Amino acid sequence: GGDLHEDAETFVASIVSFVPFGGAWKQTS
């Protein structure tokens, strides 16, 4: 999906396990 796209955030969630209390990813510059 590219920069700032929800699909990229979903992709990251699928390849990186959340730490305790983690639950979402947001791209930062």
PDB file of all heavy atoms in Angstrom:
ATOM      1  N   GLY A   1       0.781  -1.230   0.000  1.00  0.00           N
ATOM      2  CA  GLY A   1       0.000   0.000   0.000  1.00  0.00           C
ATOM      3  C   GLY A   1       0.811   1.278   0.000  1.00  0.00           C
ATOM      4  O   GLY A   1       0.296   2.336  -0.300  1.00  0.00           O
ATOM      5  N   GLY A   2       2.079   1.202   0.412  1.00  0.00           N
ATOM      6  CA  GLY A   2       2.927   2.391   0.412  1.00  0.00           C
ATOM      7  C   GLY A   2       2.895   3.145   1.733  1.00  0.00           C
ATOM      8  O   GLY A   2       2.227   2.744   2.695  1.00  0.00           O
ATOM      9  N   ASP A   3       3.635   4.238   1.761  1.00  0.00           N
ATOM     10  CA  ASP A   3       3.735   5.053   2.971  1.00  0.00           C
ATOM     11  C   ASP A   3       2.367   5.472   3.481  1.00  0.00           C
ATOM     12  O   ASP A   3       1.482   5.842   2.712  1.00  0.00           O
ATOM     13  CB  ASP A   3       4.566   6.314   2.704  1.00  0.00           C
ATOM     14  CG  ASP A   3       6.050   6.027   2.620  1.00  0.00           C
ATOM     15  OD1 ASP A   3       6.487   4.987   3.145  1.00  0.00           O
ATOM     16  OD2 ASP A   3       6.779   6.851   2.024  1.00  0.00           O
ATOM     17  N   LEU A   4       2.215   5.410   4.784  1.00  0.00           N
ATOM     18  CA  LEU A   4       1.025   5.858   5.519  1.00  0.00           C
ATOM     19  C   LEU A   4      -0.242   5.050   5.218  1.00  0.00           C
ATOM     20  O   LEU A   4      -1.340   5.468   5.568  1.00  0.00           O
ATOM     21  CB  LEU A   4       0.764   7.355   5.290  1.00  0.00           C
ATOM     22  CG  LEU A   4       1.899   8.285   5.705  1.00  0.00           C
ATOM     23  CD1 LEU A   4       1.597   9.714   5.277  1.00  0.00           C
ATOM     24  CD2 LEU A   4       2.130   8.215   7.199  1.00  0.00           C
ATOM     25  N   HIS A   5      -0.086   3.920   4.588  1.00  0.00           N
ATOM     26  CA  HIS A   5      -1.254   3.111   4.230  1.00  0.00           C
ATOM     27  C   HIS A   5      -1.545   2.088   5.330  1.00  0.00           C
ATOM     28  O   HIS A   5      -0.625   1.512   5.912  1.00  0.00           O
ATOM     29  CB  HIS A   5      -1.022   2.406   2.893  1.00  0.00           C
ATOM     30  CG  HIS A   5      -2.274   1.953   2.231  1.00  0.00           C
ATOM     31  ND1 HIS A   5      -2.911   0.788   2.570  1.00  0.00           N
ATOM     32  CD2 HIS A   5      -3.025   2.529   1.265  1.00  0.00           C
ATOM     33  CE1 HIS A   5      -3.996   0.650   1.833  1.00  0.00           C
ATOM     34  NE2 HIS A   5      -4.084   1.698   1.028  1.00  0.00           N
ATOM     35  N   GLU A   6      -2.813   1.878   5.605  1.00  0.00           N
ATOM     36  CA  GLU A   6      -3.217   0.899   6.621  1.00  0.00           C
ATOM     37  C   GLU A   6      -2.728  -0.504   6.288  1.00  0.00           C
ATOM     38  O   GLU A   6      -2.430  -1.288   7.195  1.00  0.00           O
ATOM     39  CB  GLU A   6      -4.740   0.895   6.786  1.00  0.00           C
ATOM     40  CG  GLU A   6      -5.266   2.106   7.504  1.00  0.00           C
ATOM     41  CD  GLU A   6      -6.780   2.063   7.703  1.00  0.00           C
ATOM     42  OE1 GLU A   6      -7.360   0.949   7.692  1.00  0.00           O
ATOM     43  OE2 GLU A   6      -7.360   3.140   7.871  1.00  0.00           O
ATOM     44  N   ASP A   7      -2.656  -0.828   4.995  1.00  0.00           N
ATOM     45  CA  ASP A   7      -2.176  -2.163   4.612  1.00  0.00           C
ATOM     46  C   ASP A   7      -0.723  -2.361   5.039  1.00  0.00           C
ATOM     47  O   ASP A   7      -0.325  -3.476   5.406  1.00  0.00           O
ATOM     48  CB  ASP A   7      -2.317  -2.387   3.108  1.00  0.00           C
ATOM     49  CG  ASP A   7      -3.764  -2.569   2.673  1.00  0.00           C
ATOM     50  OD1 ASP A   7      -4.644  -2.715   3.554  1.00  0.00           O
ATOM     51  OD2 ASP A   7      -4.024  -2.538   1.455  1.00  0.00           O
ATOM     52  N   ALA A   8       0.080  -1.315   4.992  1.00  0.00           N
ATOM     53  CA  ALA A   8       1.475  -1.417   5.444  1.00  0.00           C
ATOM     54  C   ALA A   8       1.519  -1.667   6.950  1.00  0.00           C
ATOM     55  O   ALA A   8       2.329  -2.475   7.436  1.00  0.00           O
ATOM     56  CB  ALA A   8       2.249  -0.152   5.077  1.00  0.00           C
ATOM     57  N   GLU A   9       0.636  -1.011   7.698  1.00  0.00           N
ATOM     58  CA  GLU A   9       0.565  -1.213   9.143  1.00  0.00           C
ATOM     59  C   GLU A   9       0.118  -2.645   9.460  1.00  0.00           C
ATOM     60  O   GLU A   9       0.661  -3.296  10.356  1.00  0.00           O
ATOM     61  CB  GLU A   9      -0.381  -0.201   9.778  1.00  0.00           C
ATOM     62  CG  GLU A   9       0.135   1.225   9.655  1.00  0.00           C
ATOM     63  CD  GLU A   9      -0.910   2.287   9.957  1.00  0.00           C
ATOM     64  OE1 GLU A   9      -2.078   1.935  10.239  1.00  0.00           O
ATOM     65  OE2 GLU A   9      -0.542   3.471   9.917  1.00  0.00           O
ATOM     66  N   THR A  10      -0.838  -3.141   8.699  1.00  0.00           N
ATOM     67  CA  THR A  10      -1.310  -4.518   8.864  1.00  0.00           C
ATOM     68  C   THR A  10      -0.196  -5.502   8.530  1.00  0.00           C
ATOM     69  O   THR A  10      -0.016  -6.512   9.228  1.00  0.00           O
ATOM     70  CB  THR A  10      -2.546  -4.779   7.975  1.00  0.00           C
ATOM     71  OG1 THR A  10      -3.569  -3.845   8.354  1.00  0.00           O
ATOM     72  CG2 THR A  10      -3.058  -6.196   8.123  1.00  0.00           C
ATOM     73  N   PHE A  11       0.568  -5.203   7.480  1.00  0.00           N
ATOM     74  CA  PHE A  11       1.701  -6.054   7.106  1.00  0.00           C
ATOM     75  C   PHE A  11       2.705  -6.127   8.251  1.00  0.00           C
ATOM     76  O   PHE A  11       3.166  -7.220   8.617  1.00  0.00           O
ATOM     77  CB  PHE A  11       2.372  -5.525   5.829  1.00  0.00           C
ATOM     78  CG  PHE A  11       3.690  -6.184   5.545  1.00  0.00           C
ATOM     79  CD1 PHE A  11       3.740  -7.477   5.057  1.00  0.00           C
ATOM     80  CD2 PHE A  11       4.879  -5.516   5.801  1.00  0.00           C
ATOM     81  CE1 PHE A  11       4.964  -8.099   4.815  1.00  0.00           C
ATOM     82  CE2 PHE A  11       6.099  -6.122   5.562  1.00  0.00           C
ATOM     83  CZ  PHE A  11       6.147  -7.425   5.072  1.00  0.00           C
ATOM     84  N   VAL A  12       3.051  -4.987   8.822  1.00  0.00           N
ATOM     85  CA  VAL A  12       4.013  -4.980   9.927  1.00  0.00           C
ATOM     86  C   VAL A  12       3.483  -5.831  11.076  1.00  0.00           C
ATOM     87  O   VAL A  12       4.224  -6.622  11.661  1.00  0.00           O
ATOM     88  CB  VAL A  12       4.326  -3.539  10.386  1.00  0.00           C
ATOM     89  CG1 VAL A  12       5.138  -3.529  11.670  1.00  0.00           C
ATOM     90  CG2 VAL A  12       5.061  -2.782   9.291  1.00  0.00           C
ATOM     91  N   ALA A  13       2.206  -5.700  11.395  1.00  0.00           N
ATOM     92  CA  ALA A  13       1.611  -6.497  12.476  1.00  0.00           C
ATOM     93  C   ALA A  13       1.691  -7.986  12.176  1.00  0.00           C
ATOM     94  O   ALA A  13       1.772  -8.804  13.106  1.00  0.00           O
ATOM     95  CB  ALA A  13       0.164  -6.068  12.704  1.00  0.00           C
ATOM     96  N   SER A  14       1.693  -8.350  10.904  1.00  0.00           N
ATOM     97  CA  SER A  14       1.743  -9.771  10.545  1.00  0.00           C
ATOM     98  C   SER A  14       3.152 -10.359  10.620  1.00  0.00           C
ATOM     99  O   SER A  14       3.302 -11.573  10.715  1.00  0.00           O
ATOM    100  CB  SER A  14       1.175  -9.977   9.136  1.00  0.00           C
ATOM    101  OG  SER A  14       2.094  -9.531   8.147  1.00  0.00           O
ATOM    102  N   ILE A  15       4.172  -9.513  10.596  1.00  0.00           N
ATOM    103  CA  ILE A  15       5.548 -10.038  10.616  1.00  0.00           C
ATOM    104  C   ILE A  15       6.294  -9.763  11.927  1.00  0.00           C
ATOM    105  O   ILE A  15       7.342 -10.356  12.169  1.00  0.00           O
ATOM    106  CB  ILE A  15       6.385  -9.501   9.436  1.00  0.00           C
ATOM    107  CG1 ILE A  15       6.548  -7.984   9.525  1.00  0.00           C
ATOM    108  CG2 ILE A  15       5.797  -9.933   8.100  1.00  0.00           C
ATOM    109  CD1 ILE A  15       7.599  -7.409   8.577  1.00  0.00           C
ATOM    110  N   VAL A  16       5.758  -8.869  12.762  1.00  0.00           N
ATOM    111  CA  VAL A  16       6.419  -8.537  14.024  1.00  0.00           C
ATOM    112  C   VAL A  16       5.440  -8.777  15.167  1.00  0.00           C
ATOM    113  O   VAL A  16       4.349  -8.217  15.176  1.00  0.00           O
ATOM    114  CB  VAL A  16       6.893  -7.060  14.041  1.00  0.00           C
ATOM    115  CG1 VAL A  16       7.589  -6.742  15.354  1.00  0.00           C
ATOM    116  CG2 VAL A  16       7.802  -6.761  12.859  1.00  0.00           C
ATOM    117  N   SER A  17       5.856  -9.585  16.126  1.00  0.00           N
ATOM    118  CA  SER A  17       4.995  -9.853  17.277  1.00  0.00           C
ATOM    119  C   SER A  17       4.878  -8.607  18.144  1.00  0.00           C
ATOM    120  O   SER A  17       5.852  -7.883  18.347  1.00  0.00           O
ATOM    121  CB  SER A  17       5.576 -10.986  18.125  1.00  0.00           C
ATOM    122  OG  SER A  17       5.640 -12.167  17.375  1.00  0.00           O
ATOM    123  N   PHE A  18       3.694  -8.392  18.640  1.00  0.00           N
ATOM    124  CA  PHE A  18       3.483  -7.278  19.565  1.00  0.00           C
ATOM    125  C   PHE A  18       4.167  -7.578  20.893  1.00  0.00           C
ATOM    126  O   PHE A  18       4.186  -8.733  21.339  1.00  0.00           O
ATOM    127  CB  PHE A  18       1.985  -7.052  19.824  1.00  0.00           C
ATOM    128  CG  PHE A  18       1.248  -6.462  18.655  1.00  0.00           C
ATOM    129  CD1 PHE A  18       0.256  -7.179  18.004  1.00  0.00           C
ATOM    130  CD2 PHE A  18       1.534  -5.176  18.213  1.00  0.00           C
ATOM    131  CE1 PHE A  18      -0.430  -6.636  16.936  1.00  0.00           C
ATOM    132  CE2 PHE A  18       0.836  -4.624  17.142  1.00  0.00           C
ATOM    133  CZ  PHE A  18      -0.139  -5.351  16.503  1.00  0.00           C
ATOM    134  N   VAL A  19       4.709  -6.554  21.526  1.00  0.00           N
ATOM    135  CA  VAL A  19       5.216  -6.706  22.883  1.00  0.00           C
ATOM    136  C   VAL A  19       4.012  -6.686  23.821  1.00  0.00           C
ATOM    137  O   VAL A  19       2.908  -6.319  23.409  1.00  0.00           O
ATOM    138  CB  VAL A  19       6.226  -5.583  23.256  1.00  0.00           C
ATOM    139  CG1 VAL A  19       7.452  -5.648  22.373  1.00  0.00           C
ATOM    140  CG2 VAL A  19       5.591  -4.216  23.223  1.00  0.00           C
ATOM    141  N   PRO A  20       4.184  -7.073  25.096  1.00  0.00           N
ATOM    142  CA  PRO A  20       3.037  -6.983  26.015  1.00  0.00           C
ATOM    143  C   PRO A  20       2.444  -5.573  26.001  1.00  0.00           C
ATOM    144  O   PRO A  20       3.181  -4.585  26.028  1.00  0.00           O
ATOM    145  CB  PRO A  20       3.665  -7.314  27.376  1.00  0.00           C
ATOM    146  CG  PRO A  20       4.839  -8.180  27.035  1.00  0.00           C
ATOM    147  CD  PRO A  20       5.374  -7.625  25.739  1.00  0.00           C
ATOM    148  N   PHE A  21       1.151  -5.495  25.916  1.00  0.00           N
ATOM    149  CA  PHE A  21       0.371  -4.258  25.884  1.00  0.00           C
ATOM    150  C   PHE A  21       0.412  -3.555  24.528  1.00  0.00           C
ATOM    151  O   PHE A  21      -0.194  -2.517  24.361  1.00  0.00           O
ATOM    152  CB  PHE A  21       0.783  -3.280  26.997  1.00  0.00           C
ATOM    153  CG  PHE A  21       0.782  -3.905  28.353  1.00  0.00           C
ATOM    154  CD1 PHE A  21       1.968  -4.172  29.015  1.00  0.00           C
ATOM    155  CD2 PHE A  21      -0.414  -4.279  28.955  1.00  0.00           C
ATOM    156  CE1 PHE A  21       1.964  -4.772  30.272  1.00  0.00           C
ATOM    157  CE2 PHE A  21      -0.429  -4.869  30.207  1.00  0.00           C
ATOM    158  CZ  PHE A  21       0.766  -5.119  30.867  1.00  0.00           C
ATOM    159  N   GLY A  22       1.145  -4.095  23.574  1.00  0.00           N
ATOM    160  CA  GLY A  22       1.166  -3.515  22.238  1.00  0.00           C
ATOM    161  C   GLY A  22      -0.071  -3.923  21.471  1.00  0.00           C
ATOM    162  O   GLY A  22      -0.705  -4.919  21.790  1.00  0.00           O
ATOM    163  N   GLY A  23      -0.427  -3.145  20.440  1.00  0.00           N
ATOM    164  CA  GLY A  23      -1.624  -3.521  19.722  1.00  0.00           C
ATOM    165  C   GLY A  23      -1.847  -2.835  18.397  1.00  0.00           C
ATOM    166  O   GLY A  23      -2.796  -3.154  17.711  1.00  0.00           O
ATOM    167  N   ALA A  24      -0.983  -1.883  18.026  1.00  0.00           N
ATOM    168  CA  ALA A  24      -1.159  -1.204  16.741  1.00  0.00           C
ATOM    169  C   ALA A  24       0.183  -0.669  16.273  1.00  0.00           C
ATOM    170  O   ALA A  24       1.089  -0.422  17.069  1.00  0.00           O
ATOM    171  CB  ALA A  24      -2.162  -0.055  16.880  1.00  0.00           C
ATOM    172  N   TRP A  25       0.286  -0.488  14.963  1.00  0.00           N
ATOM    173  CA  TRP A  25       1.497   0.090  14.369  1.00  0.00           C
ATOM    174  C   TRP A  25       1.124   1.342  13.588  1.00  0.00           C
ATOM    175  O   TRP A  25       0.099   1.362  12.905  1.00  0.00           O
ATOM    176  CB  TRP A  25       2.156  -0.903  13.412  1.00  0.00           C
ATOM    177  CG  TRP A  25       2.735  -2.097  14.104  1.00  0.00           C
ATOM    178  CD1 TRP A  25       2.163  -3.324  14.234  1.00  0.00           C
ATOM    179  CD2 TRP A  25       3.996  -2.171  14.764  1.00  0.00           C
ATOM    180  NE1 TRP A  25       2.987  -4.161  14.939  1.00  0.00           N
ATOM    181  CE2 TRP A  25       4.126  -3.482  15.272  1.00  0.00           C
ATOM    182  CE3 TRP A  25       5.036  -1.261  14.982  1.00  0.00           C
ATOM    183  CZ2 TRP A  25       5.254  -3.905  15.982  1.00  0.00           C
ATOM    184  CZ3 TRP A  25       6.149  -1.682  15.691  1.00  0.00           C
ATOM    185  CH2 TRP A  25       6.259  -2.982  16.179  1.00  0.00           C
ATOM    186  N   LYS A  26       1.953   2.369  13.685  1.00  0.00           N
ATOM    187  CA  LYS A  26       1.792   3.595  12.897  1.00  0.00           C
ATOM    188  C   LYS A  26       3.154   3.947  12.319  1.00  0.00           C
ATOM    189  O   LYS A  26       4.169   3.946  13.027  1.00  0.00           O
ATOM    190  CB  LYS A  26       1.289   4.774  13.747  1.00  0.00           C
ATOM    191  CG  LYS A  26      -0.170   4.695  14.099  1.00  0.00           C
ATOM    192  CD  LYS A  26      -1.028   4.880  12.871  1.00  0.00           C
ATOM    193  CE  LYS A  26      -2.480   4.611  13.163  1.00  0.00           C
ATOM    194  NZ  LYS A  26      -3.293   4.562  11.974  1.00  0.00           N
ATOM    195  N   GLN A  27       3.151   4.285  11.049  1.00  0.00           N
ATOM    196  CA  GLN A  27       4.408   4.670  10.417  1.00  0.00           C
ATOM    197  C   GLN A  27       4.837   6.042  10.927  1.00  0.00           C
ATOM    198  O   GLN A  27       4.019   6.922  11.186  1.00  0.00           O
ATOM    199  CB  GLN A  27       4.255   4.694   8.893  1.00  0.00           C
ATOM    200  CG  GLN A  27       5.587   4.851   8.175  1.00  0.00           C
ATOM    201  CD  GLN A  27       5.452   4.690   6.675  1.00  0.00           C
ATOM    202  OE1 GLN A  27       4.360   4.481   6.144  1.00  0.00           O
ATOM    203  NE2 GLN A  27       6.571   4.781   5.984  1.00  0.00           N
ATOM    204  N   THR A  28       6.145   6.209  11.089  1.00  0.00           N
ATOM    205  CA  THR A  28       6.710   7.480  11.522  1.00  0.00           C
ATOM    206  C   THR A  28       7.850   7.851  10.581  1.00  0.00           C
ATOM    207  O   THR A  28       8.470   6.980   9.979  1.00  0.00           O
ATOM    208  CB  THR A  28       7.184   7.401  12.991  1.00  0.00           C
ATOM    209  OG1 THR A  28       7.655   8.679  13.409  1.00  0.00           O
ATOM    210  CG2 THR A  28       8.265   6.352  13.196  1.00  0.00           C
ATOM    211  N   SER A  29       8.079   9.122  10.423  1.00  0.00           N
ATOM    212  CA  SER A  29       9.101   9.597   9.490  1.00  0.00           C
ATOM    213  C   SER A  29      10.371   9.978  10.228  1.00  0.00           C
ATOM    214  O   SER A  29      10.359  10.877  11.071  1.00  0.00           O
ATOM    215  CB  SER A  29       8.581  10.812   8.717  1.00  0.00           C
ATOM    216  OG  SER A  29       9.630  11.417   7.985  1.00  0.00           O
TER     217      SER A  29
END
